[in-house]
């Protein structure tokens, strides 16, 4: 079976485009297949990204039109309205227009030499002697077999190809939350350089709710839940939360989207013969926050480098491509594992315990420790640095024991 291109990338989201950009920059021939007619549409994510992560990826500065705001800190609210703030001397995160951000990455890939085939949905894989050698794509009702030396799956959490490879037979639904993202026309009484996080099971059991302000007084507001319709929870949050409802009382929803977020950590294996899996498809997502862009891009760059090595050496076996998993795990594996355990512990806390935790953090000055040791992307390593402070183990032990006690308390 003769290959028509070196690598096929399925999905034009950030991870797909960054894999393509990395590959073409190194000299490989790449074609990106995207089921939608336009890159970046529909947008499913807030686009709240760390500046340090973007800097590591070589993506700063971003075009001015892409960046909607920058933030110096965050404030965390409990259900009762207690607040705990973390603030830095200079901006540490930004919020981007996801449609424009995705297009920017696609433009980088195109300028480097990648081709894009839009409106083409990948329906199945093509294999030869157990090695992935392309895809069957459907475009405007016409199916086409496209061959390549290998494939990178960057479809996202609802990957069609992944289920057909045997790498992921079933998704652990208990570790998947459904998120709703709304764009609101205006908010009141917020600091435009501060992100607001709302903790508690009542409105966002499984993750949290958020208000991410833009410079023009509009905002991105959302939440994620394990059960129920997240749109219903968002309505309740906007109208009933003791703090948020006052800020959102005059707000109107301009745009709204719903999407799943996997919080259970990476899939068991992210490679096969002739295939690499990146981003949300590989569940390379931070379990603590649900953020997957920066981590996914870091892994996508590794995927592009390994895929190029495979093309250069004409070697597409599992044994060779396992280098991808080894390399990305050395980069972010420890942090994702630590964050998964932190997510499990936090999910055990009742709203009352979260309220106590906020009070503890404020009294013990944990904000100063976070400001000194925190890394928004490599949170596992941040935890290691933080535990050296005498106050942190005390708080952690107290809430670990109390959460276990409440979890197993007889009814």
Foldseek 3Di string as FASTA:
>chain_A
DDAPFAEEEEALALLSLLLLLLQLLVPGEYEYEYQAQAFQPPPDDQQKFFPVLCVVVVNPPPPPQFWQAFAQWAWEAFLVGFIFIFGAPDTTITTTDRSVVSVVSNVSSVVSPYHYDYNKAFQEFDDDPFATFFTWIAHPRDIDTHGHLFYEYEHAQPDNHCCVSPLDVDAPLQQKWKKKKFKKPAWPDDDQNYKYWYDACPLAQQATWIWHHGPVRITITMHIHSDDDNVVSSVCCCCPRPPNVNGCVPIDTPDMDMDMFGQQFFGPDQAAQRYGYFWNNRNQAQNHHSDTNSLRSVLSSLVSVLSSVCSVVVHRHPVSSVVSVVVSCVVAVQQSVQRSVVSVLVSLDHSVLVVVLSVLCRVVVVSVLCNVQPDPRSRSRSVVSSVVDVSVVVSVVVSSVVSVCVNPPDD
